[in-house]
Amino acid sequence: RKHLSTLYQDMRMLLKLTSQQMNANELIDFEHSLSSL
């Protein structure tokens, strides 16, 4: 299960990067249109 720990750490890093991106771009509310996500 060592790889689960590695994936967990990688996902935490991705979460942190994405969170920083969100904080850097304080958003105005707008209508979401990407239903393919």
ModelCIF file with pLDDT and N, C-alpha, C, O atoms, coordinates in Angstrom:
data_MODEL
#
_entry.id   MODEL 
#
_entity.id                         1 
_entity.type                       polymer 
_entity.pdbx_number_of_molecules   1 
#
_entity_poly.entity_id                      1 
_entity_poly.type                           'polypeptide(L)' 
_entity_poly.nstd_linkage                   no 
_entity_poly.nstd_monomer                   no 
_entity_poly.pdbx_seq_one_letter_code       RKHLSTLYQDMRMLLKLTSQQMNANELIDFEHSLSSL 
_entity_poly.pdbx_seq_one_letter_code_can   RKHLSTLYQDMRMLLKLTSQQMNANELIDFEHSLSSL 
_entity_poly.pdbx_strand_id                 A 
#
loop_
_entity_poly_seq.entity_id 
_entity_poly_seq.num 
_entity_poly_seq.mon_id 
_entity_poly_seq.hetero 
1 1  ARG n 
1 2  LYS n 
1 3  HIS n 
1 4  LEU n 
1 5  SER n 
1 6  THR n 
1 7  LEU n 
1 8  TYR n 
1 9  GLN n 
1 10 ASP n 
1 11 MET n 
1 12 ARG n 
1 13 MET n 
1 14 LEU n 
1 15 LEU n 
1 16 LYS n 
1 17 LEU n 
1 18 THR n 
1 19 SER n 
1 20 GLN n 
1 21 GLN n 
1 22 MET n 
1 23 ASN n 
1 24 ALA n 
1 25 ASN n 
1 26 GLU n 
1 27 LEU n 
1 28 ILE n 
1 29 ASP n 
1 30 PHE n 
1 31 GLU n 
1 32 HIS n 
1 33 SER n 
1 34 LEU n 
1 35 SER n 
1 36 SER n 
1 37 LEU n 
#
_struct_asym.id          A 
_struct_asym.entity_id   1 
#
loop_
_ma_qa_metric.id 
_ma_qa_metric.mode 
_ma_qa_metric.name 
_ma_qa_metric.software_group_id 
_ma_qa_metric.type 
1 global pLDDT . pLDDT 
2 local  pLDDT . pLDDT 
#
_ma_qa_metric_global.metric_id      1 
_ma_qa_metric_global.metric_value   78.81 
_ma_qa_metric_global.model_id       1 
_ma_qa_metric_global.ordinal_id     1 
#
loop_
_ma_qa_metric_local.label_asym_id 
_ma_qa_metric_local.label_comp_id 
_ma_qa_metric_local.label_seq_id 
_ma_qa_metric_local.metric_id 
_ma_qa_metric_local.metric_value 
_ma_qa_metric_local.model_id 
_ma_qa_metric_local.ordinal_id 
A ARG 1  2 63.00 1 1  
A LYS 2  2 75.00 1 2  
A HIS 3  2 81.00 1 3  
A LEU 4  2 88.00 1 4  
A SER 5  2 90.00 1 5  
A THR 6  2 92.00 1 6  
A LEU 7  2 93.00 1 7  
A TYR 8  2 93.00 1 8  
A GLN 9  2 94.00 1 9  
A ASP 10 2 95.00 1 10 
A MET 11 2 94.00 1 11 
A ARG 12 2 95.00 1 12 
A MET 13 2 95.00 1 13 
A LEU 14 2 93.00 1 14 
A LEU 15 2 92.00 1 15 
A LYS 16 2 92.00 1 16 
A LEU 17 2 91.00 1 17 
A THR 18 2 90.00 1 18 
A SER 19 2 87.00 1 19 
A GLN 20 2 85.00 1 20 
A GLN 21 2 79.00 1 21 
A MET 22 2 73.00 1 22 
A ASN 23 2 69.00 1 23 
A ALA 24 2 62.00 1 24 
A ASN 25 2 61.00 1 25 
A GLU 26 2 60.00 1 26 
A LEU 27 2 55.00 1 27 
A ILE 28 2 56.00 1 28 
A ASP 29 2 57.00 1 29 
A PHE 30 2 57.00 1 30 
A GLU 31 2 61.00 1 31 
A HIS 32 2 58.00 1 32 
A SER 33 2 73.00 1 33 
A LEU 34 2 77.00 1 34 
A SER 35 2 78.00 1 35 
A SER 36 2 81.00 1 36 
A LEU 37 2 81.00 1 37 
#
loop_
_atom_site.group_PDB 
_atom_site.id 
_atom_site.type_symbol 
_atom_site.label_atom_id 
_atom_site.label_alt_id 
_atom_site.label_comp_id 
_atom_site.label_asym_id 
_atom_site.label_entity_id 
_atom_site.label_seq_id 
_atom_site.pdbx_PDB_ins_code 
_atom_site.Cartn_x 
_atom_site.Cartn_y 
_atom_site.Cartn_z 
_atom_site.occupancy 
_atom_site.B_iso_or_equiv 
_atom_site.pdbx_formal_charge 
_atom_site.auth_seq_id 
_atom_site.auth_comp_id 
_atom_site.auth_asym_id 
_atom_site.auth_atom_id 
_atom_site.pdbx_PDB_model_num 
ATOM 1   N N  . ARG A 1 1  ? 0.819   -1.213 0.000   1.00 63.00 ? 1  ARG A N  1 
ATOM 2   C CA . ARG A 1 1  ? 0.000   0.000  0.000   1.00 63.00 ? 1  ARG A CA 1 
ATOM 3   C C  . ARG A 1 1  ? 0.854   1.266  0.000   1.00 63.00 ? 1  ARG A C  1 
ATOM 4   O O  . ARG A 1 1  ? 0.337   2.372  0.161   1.00 63.00 ? 1  ARG A O  1 
ATOM 5   N N  . LYS A 1 2  ? 2.145   1.098  -0.179  1.00 75.00 ? 2  LYS A N  1 
ATOM 6   C CA . LYS A 1 2  ? 3.042   2.245  -0.212  1.00 75.00 ? 2  LYS A CA 1 
ATOM 7   C C  . LYS A 1 2  ? 2.643   3.224  -1.316  1.00 75.00 ? 2  LYS A C  1 
ATOM 8   O O  . LYS A 1 2  ? 2.736   4.439  -1.140  1.00 75.00 ? 2  LYS A O  1 
ATOM 9   N N  . HIS A 1 3  ? 2.199   2.690  -2.450  1.00 81.00 ? 3  HIS A N  1 
ATOM 10  C CA . HIS A 1 3  ? 1.814   3.547  -3.562  1.00 81.00 ? 3  HIS A CA 1 
ATOM 11  C C  . HIS A 1 3  ? 0.580   4.384  -3.226  1.00 81.00 ? 3  HIS A C  1 
ATOM 12  O O  . HIS A 1 3  ? 0.433   5.494  -3.738  1.00 81.00 ? 3  HIS A O  1 
ATOM 13  N N  . LEU A 1 4  ? -0.299  3.872  -2.380  1.00 88.00 ? 4  LEU A N  1 
ATOM 14  C CA . LEU A 1 4  ? -1.449  4.681  -1.958  1.00 88.00 ? 4  LEU A CA 1 
ATOM 15  C C  . LEU A 1 4  ? -0.972  5.923  -1.224  1.00 88.00 ? 4  LEU A C  1 
ATOM 16  O O  . LEU A 1 4  ? -1.537  7.005  -1.389  1.00 88.00 ? 4  LEU A O  1 
ATOM 17  N N  . SER A 1 5  ? 0.063   5.770  -0.418  1.00 90.00 ? 5  SER A N  1 
ATOM 18  C CA . SER A 1 5  ? 0.626   6.926  0.288   1.00 90.00 ? 5  SER A CA 1 
ATOM 19  C C  . SER A 1 5  ? 1.216   7.920  -0.688  1.00 90.00 ? 5  SER A C  1 
ATOM 20  O O  . SER A 1 5  ? 1.051   9.128  -0.521  1.00 90.00 ? 5  SER A O  1 
ATOM 21  N N  . THR A 1 6  ? 1.900   7.429  -1.700  1.00 92.00 ? 6  THR A N  1 
ATOM 22  C CA . THR A 1 6  ? 2.491   8.314  -2.702  1.00 92.00 ? 6  THR A CA 1 
ATOM 23  C C  . THR A 1 6  ? 1.402   9.044  -3.478  1.00 92.00 ? 6  THR A C  1 
ATOM 24  O O  . THR A 1 6  ? 1.496   10.253 -3.692  1.00 92.00 ? 6  THR A O  1 
ATOM 25  N N  . LEU A 1 7  ? 0.370   8.321  -3.899  1.00 93.00 ? 7  LEU A N  1 
ATOM 26  C CA . LEU A 1 7  ? -0.743  8.955  -4.606  1.00 93.00 ? 7  LEU A CA 1 
ATOM 27  C C  . LEU A 1 7  ? -1.449  9.968  -3.714  1.00 93.00 ? 7  LEU A C  1 
ATOM 28  O O  . LEU A 1 7  ? -1.837  11.045 -4.166  1.00 93.00 ? 7  LEU A O  1 
ATOM 29  N N  . TYR A 1 8  ? -1.610  9.614  -2.453  1.00 93.00 ? 8  TYR A N  1 
ATOM 30  C CA . TYR A 1 8  ? -2.233  10.524 -1.492  1.00 93.00 ? 8  TYR A CA 1 
ATOM 31  C C  . TYR A 1 8  ? -1.427  11.826 -1.406  1.00 93.00 ? 8  TYR A C  1 
ATOM 32  O O  . TYR A 1 8  ? -2.006  12.912 -1.441  1.00 93.00 ? 8  TYR A O  1 
ATOM 33  N N  . GLN A 1 9  ? -0.109  11.725 -1.296  1.00 94.00 ? 9  GLN A N  1 
ATOM 34  C CA . GLN A 1 9  ? 0.744   12.921 -1.220  1.00 94.00 ? 9  GLN A CA 1 
ATOM 35  C C  . GLN A 1 9  ? 0.669   13.735 -2.516  1.00 94.00 ? 9  GLN A C  1 
ATOM 36  O O  . GLN A 1 9  ? 0.618   14.964 -2.475  1.00 94.00 ? 9  GLN A O  1 
ATOM 37  N N  . ASP A 1 10 ? 0.661   13.055 -3.656  1.00 95.00 ? 10 ASP A N  1 
ATOM 38  C CA . ASP A 1 10 ? 0.553   13.752 -4.938  1.00 95.00 ? 10 ASP A CA 1 
ATOM 39  C C  . ASP A 1 10 ? -0.787  14.482 -5.062  1.00 95.00 ? 10 ASP A C  1 
ATOM 40  O O  . ASP A 1 10 ? -0.845  15.608 -5.557  1.00 95.00 ? 10 ASP A O  1 
ATOM 41  N N  . MET A 1 11 ? -1.848  13.840 -4.615  1.00 94.00 ? 11 MET A N  1 
ATOM 42  C CA . MET A 1 11 ? -3.162  14.493 -4.674  1.00 94.00 ? 11 MET A CA 1 
ATOM 43  C C  . MET A 1 11 ? -3.222  15.684 -3.720  1.00 94.00 ? 11 MET A C  1 
ATOM 44  O O  . MET A 1 11 ? -3.852  16.697 -4.025  1.00 94.00 ? 11 MET A O  1 
ATOM 45  N N  . ARG A 1 12 ? -2.575  15.565 -2.579  1.00 95.00 ? 12 ARG A N  1 
ATOM 46  C CA . ARG A 1 12 ? -2.510  16.714 -1.657  1.00 95.00 ? 12 ARG A CA 1 
ATOM 47  C C  . ARG A 1 12 ? -1.763  17.878 -2.309  1.00 95.00 ? 12 ARG A C  1 
ATOM 48  O O  . ARG A 1 12 ? -2.148  19.037 -2.149  1.00 95.00 ? 12 ARG A O  1 
ATOM 49  N N  . MET A 1 13 ? -0.693  17.565 -3.043  1.00 95.00 ? 13 MET A N  1 
ATOM 50  C CA . MET A 1 13 ? 0.063   18.603 -3.734  1.00 95.00 ? 13 MET A CA 1 
ATOM 51  C C  . MET A 1 13 ? -0.797  19.253 -4.822  1.00 95.00 ? 13 MET A C  1 
ATOM 52  O O  . MET A 1 13 ? -0.791  20.473 -4.980  1.00 95.00 ? 13 MET A O  1 
ATOM 53  N N  . LEU A 1 14 ? -1.532  18.429 -5.565  1.00 93.00 ? 14 LEU A N  1 
ATOM 54  C CA . LEU A 1 14 ? -2.421  18.949 -6.601  1.00 93.00 ? 14 LEU A CA 1 
ATOM 55  C C  . LEU A 1 14 ? -3.519  19.806 -5.976  1.00 93.00 ? 14 LEU A C  1 
ATOM 56  O O  . LEU A 1 14 ? -3.872  20.855 -6.515  1.00 93.00 ? 14 LEU A O  1 
ATOM 57  N N  . LEU A 1 15 ? -4.056  19.366 -4.851  1.00 92.00 ? 15 LEU A N  1 
ATOM 58  C CA . LEU A 1 15 ? -5.071  20.140 -4.132  1.00 92.00 ? 15 LEU A CA 1 
ATOM 59  C C  . LEU A 1 15 ? -4.498  21.504 -3.721  1.00 92.00 ? 15 LEU A C  1 
ATOM 60  O O  . LEU A 1 15 ? -5.165  22.530 -3.861  1.00 92.00 ? 15 LEU A O  1 
ATOM 61  N N  . LYS A 1 16 ? -3.280  21.507 -3.222  1.00 92.00 ? 16 LYS A N  1 
ATOM 62  C CA . LYS A 1 16 ? -2.641  22.753 -2.795  1.00 92.00 ? 16 LYS A CA 1 
ATOM 63  C C  . LYS A 1 16 ? -2.412  23.697 -3.981  1.00 92.00 ? 16 LYS A C  1 
ATOM 64  O O  . LYS A 1 16 ? -2.708  24.888 -3.888  1.00 92.00 ? 16 LYS A O  1 
ATOM 65  N N  . LEU A 1 17 ? -1.889  23.174 -5.089  1.00 91.00 ? 17 LEU A N  1 
ATOM 66  C CA . LEU A 1 17 ? -1.665  24.006 -6.280  1.00 91.00 ? 17 LEU A CA 1 
ATOM 67  C C  . LEU A 1 17 ? -2.972  24.585 -6.818  1.00 91.00 ? 17 LEU A C  1 
ATOM 68  O O  . LEU A 1 17 ? -3.044  25.758 -7.185  1.00 91.00 ? 17 LEU A O  1 
ATOM 69  N N  . THR A 1 18 ? -3.992  23.748 -6.858  1.00 90.00 ? 18 THR A N  1 
ATOM 70  C CA . THR A 1 18 ? -5.292  24.200 -7.355  1.00 90.00 ? 18 THR A CA 1 
ATOM 71  C C  . THR A 1 18 ? -5.882  25.245 -6.424  1.00 90.00 ? 18 THR A C  1 
ATOM 72  O O  . THR A 1 18 ? -6.471  26.223 -6.883  1.00 90.00 ? 18 THR A O  1 
ATOM 73  N N  . SER A 1 19 ? -5.732  25.049 -5.130  1.00 87.00 ? 19 SER A N  1 
ATOM 74  C CA . SER A 1 19 ? -6.218  26.019 -4.152  1.00 87.00 ? 19 SER A CA 1 
ATOM 75  C C  . SER A 1 19 ? -5.498  27.361 -4.309  1.00 87.00 ? 19 SER A C  1 
ATOM 76  O O  . SER A 1 19 ? -6.123  28.418 -4.228  1.00 87.00 ? 19 SER A O  1 
ATOM 77  N N  . GLN A 1 20 ? -4.193  27.311 -4.533  1.00 85.00 ? 20 GLN A N  1 
ATOM 78  C CA . GLN A 1 20 ? -3.434  28.543 -4.754  1.00 85.00 ? 20 GLN A CA 1 
ATOM 79  C C  . GLN A 1 20 ? -3.916  29.248 -6.016  1.00 85.00 ? 20 GLN A C  1 
ATOM 80  O O  . GLN A 1 20 ? -4.017  30.474 -6.043  1.00 85.00 ? 20 GLN A O  1 
ATOM 81  N N  . GLN A 1 21 ? -4.206  28.495 -7.040  1.00 79.00 ? 21 GLN A N  1 
ATOM 82  C CA . GLN A 1 21 ? -4.710  29.073 -8.286  1.00 79.00 ? 21 GLN A CA 1 
ATOM 83  C C  . GLN A 1 21 ? -6.057  29.742 -8.038  1.00 79.00 ? 21 GLN A C  1 
ATOM 84  O O  . GLN A 1 21 ? -6.318  30.832 -8.548  1.00 79.00 ? 21 GLN A O  1 
ATOM 85  N N  . MET A 1 22 ? -6.904  29.092 -7.260  1.00 73.00 ? 22 MET A N  1 
ATOM 86  C CA . MET A 1 22 ? -8.214  29.672 -6.946  1.00 73.00 ? 22 MET A CA 1 
ATOM 87  C C  . MET A 1 22 ? -8.051  30.957 -6.129  1.00 73.00 ? 22 MET A C  1 
ATOM 88  O O  . MET A 1 22 ? -8.753  31.940 -6.368  1.00 73.00 ? 22 MET A O  1 
ATOM 89  N N  . ASN A 1 23 ? -7.129  30.948 -5.172  1.00 69.00 ? 23 ASN A N  1 
ATOM 90  C CA . ASN A 1 23 ? -6.911  32.135 -4.350  1.00 69.00 ? 23 ASN A CA 1 
ATOM 91  C C  . ASN A 1 23 ? -6.320  33.277 -5.160  1.00 69.00 ? 23 ASN A C  1 
ATOM 92  O O  . ASN A 1 23 ? -6.605  34.443 -4.889  1.00 69.00 ? 23 ASN A O  1 
ATOM 93  N N  . ALA A 1 24 ? -5.501  32.953 -6.151  1.00 62.00 ? 24 ALA A N  1 
ATOM 94  C CA . ALA A 1 24 ? -4.889  33.980 -6.990  1.00 62.00 ? 24 ALA A CA 1 
ATOM 95  C C  . ALA A 1 24 ? -5.917  34.634 -7.904  1.00 62.00 ? 24 ALA A C  1 
ATOM 96  O O  . ALA A 1 24 ? -5.735  35.773 -8.333  1.00 62.00 ? 24 ALA A O  1 
ATOM 97  N N  . ASN A 1 25 ? -6.976  33.927 -8.197  1.00 61.00 ? 25 ASN A N  1 
ATOM 98  C CA . ASN A 1 25 ? -8.027  34.436 -9.091  1.00 61.00 ? 25 ASN A CA 1 
ATOM 99  C C  . ASN A 1 25 ? -9.343  34.531 -8.346  1.00 61.00 ? 25 ASN A C  1 
ATOM 100 O O  . ASN A 1 25 ? -10.268 33.765 -8.616  1.00 61.00 ? 25 ASN A O  1 
ATOM 101 N N  . GLU A 1 26 ? -9.436  35.467 -7.410  1.00 60.00 ? 26 GLU A N  1 
ATOM 102 C CA . GLU A 1 26 ? -10.702 35.654 -6.709  1.00 60.00 ? 26 GLU A CA 1 
ATOM 103 C C  . GLU A 1 26 ? -11.780 35.883 -7.758  1.00 60.00 ? 26 GLU A C  1 
ATOM 104 O O  . GLU A 1 26 ? -11.670 36.775 -8.600  1.00 60.00 ? 26 GLU A O  1 
ATOM 105 N N  . LEU A 1 27 ? -12.806 35.074 -7.695  1.00 55.00 ? 27 LEU A N  1 
ATOM 106 C CA . LEU A 1 27 ? -13.787 35.070 -8.768  1.00 55.00 ? 27 LEU A CA 1 
ATOM 107 C C  . LEU A 1 27 ? -15.031 35.882 -8.467  1.00 55.00 ? 27 LEU A C  1 
ATOM 108 O O  . LEU A 1 27 ? -15.490 36.001 -7.331  1.00 55.00 ? 27 LEU A O  1 
ATOM 109 N N  . ILE A 1 28 ? -15.540 36.424 -9.539  1.00 56.00 ? 28 ILE A N  1 
ATOM 110 C CA . ILE A 1 28 ? -16.863 36.997 -9.526  1.00 56.00 ? 28 ILE A CA 1 
ATOM 111 C C  . ILE A 1 28 ? -17.773 35.833 -9.888  1.00 56.00 ? 28 ILE A C  1 
ATOM 112 O O  . ILE A 1 28 ? -17.422 35.018 -10.741 1.00 56.00 ? 28 ILE A O  1 
ATOM 113 N N  . ASP A 1 29 ? -18.938 35.742 -9.254  1.00 57.00 ? 29 ASP A N  1 
ATOM 114 C CA . ASP A 1 29 ? -19.838 34.648 -9.616  1.00 57.00 ? 29 ASP A CA 1 
ATOM 115 C C  . ASP A 1 29 ? -20.300 34.811 -11.058 1.00 57.00 ? 29 ASP A C  1 
ATOM 116 O O  . ASP A 1 29 ? -20.609 35.916 -11.504 1.00 57.00 ? 29 ASP A O  1 
ATOM 117 N N  . PHE A 1 30 ? -20.342 33.714 -11.769 1.00 57.00 ? 30 PHE A N  1 
ATOM 118 C CA . PHE A 1 30 ? -20.817 33.702 -13.135 1.00 57.00 ? 30 PHE A CA 1 
ATOM 119 C C  . PHE A 1 30 ? -21.452 32.352 -13.397 1.00 57.00 ? 30 PHE A C  1 
ATOM 120 O O  . PHE A 1 30 ? -21.286 31.407 -12.626 1.00 57.00 ? 30 PHE A O  1 
ATOM 121 N N  . GLU A 1 31 ? -22.174 32.282 -14.488 1.00 61.00 ? 31 GLU A N  1 
ATOM 122 C CA . GLU A 1 31 ? -22.868 31.044 -14.827 1.00 61.00 ? 31 GLU A CA 1 
ATOM 123 C C  . GLU A 1 31 ? -21.872 30.007 -15.344 1.00 61.00 ? 31 GLU A C  1 
ATOM 124 O O  . GLU A 1 31 ? -21.065 30.301 -16.226 1.00 61.00 ? 31 GLU A O  1 
ATOM 125 N N  . HIS A 1 32 ? -21.932 28.804 -14.796 1.00 58.00 ? 32 HIS A N  1 
ATOM 126 C CA . HIS A 1 32 ? -21.046 27.717 -15.218 1.00 58.00 ? 32 HIS A CA 1 
ATOM 127 C C  . HIS A 1 32 ? -21.679 26.977 -16.382 1.00 58.00 ? 32 HIS A C  1 
ATOM 128 O O  . HIS A 1 32 ? -22.875 26.688 -16.378 1.00 58.00 ? 32 HIS A O  1 
ATOM 129 N N  . SER A 1 33 ? -20.861 26.677 -17.374 1.00 73.00 ? 33 SER A N  1 
ATOM 130 C CA . SER A 1 33 ? -21.427 26.059 -18.570 1.00 73.00 ? 33 SER A CA 1 
ATOM 131 C C  . SER A 1 33 ? -20.706 24.788 -19.025 1.00 73.00 ? 33 SER A C  1 
ATOM 132 O O  . SER A 1 33 ? -21.100 24.197 -20.031 1.00 73.00 ? 33 SER A O  1 
ATOM 133 N N  . LEU A 1 34 ? -19.669 24.355 -18.321 1.00 77.00 ? 34 LEU A N  1 
ATOM 134 C CA . LEU A 1 34 ? -18.926 23.175 -18.755 1.00 77.00 ? 34 LEU A CA 1 
ATOM 135 C C  . LEU A 1 34 ? -19.526 21.904 -18.148 1.00 77.00 ? 34 LEU A C  1 
ATOM 136 O O  . LEU A 1 34 ? -19.130 21.469 -17.067 1.00 77.00 ? 34 LEU A O  1 
ATOM 137 N N  . SER A 1 35 ? -20.468 21.331 -18.851 1.00 78.00 ? 35 SER A N  1 
ATOM 138 C CA . SER A 1 35 ? -21.105 20.113 -18.355 1.00 78.00 ? 35 SER A CA 1 
ATOM 139 C C  . SER A 1 35 ? -20.245 18.878 -18.629 1.00 78.00 ? 35 SER A C  1 
ATOM 140 O O  . SER A 1 35 ? -20.560 17.790 -18.149 1.00 78.00 ? 35 SER A O  1 
ATOM 141 N N  . SER A 1 36 ? -19.166 19.036 -19.394 1.00 81.00 ? 36 SER A N  1 
ATOM 142 C CA . SER A 1 36 ? -18.319 17.897 -19.740 1.00 81.00 ? 36 SER A CA 1 
ATOM 143 C C  . SER A 1 36 ? -17.294 17.561 -18.657 1.00 81.00 ? 36 SER A C  1 
ATOM 144 O O  . SER A 1 36 ? -16.598 16.551 -18.763 1.00 81.00 ? 36 SER A O  1 
ATOM 145 N N  . LEU A 1 37 ? -17.194 18.388 -17.624 1.00 81.00 ? 37 LEU A N  1 
ATOM 146 C CA . LEU A 1 37 ? -16.267 18.095 -16.527 1.00 81.00 ? 37 LEU A CA 1 
ATOM 147 C C  . LEU A 1 37 ? -16.837 16.997 -15.636 1.00 81.00 ? 37 LEU A C  1 
ATOM 148 O O  . LEU A 1 37 ? -16.203 16.607 -14.655 1.00 81.00 ? 37 LEU A O  1 
#
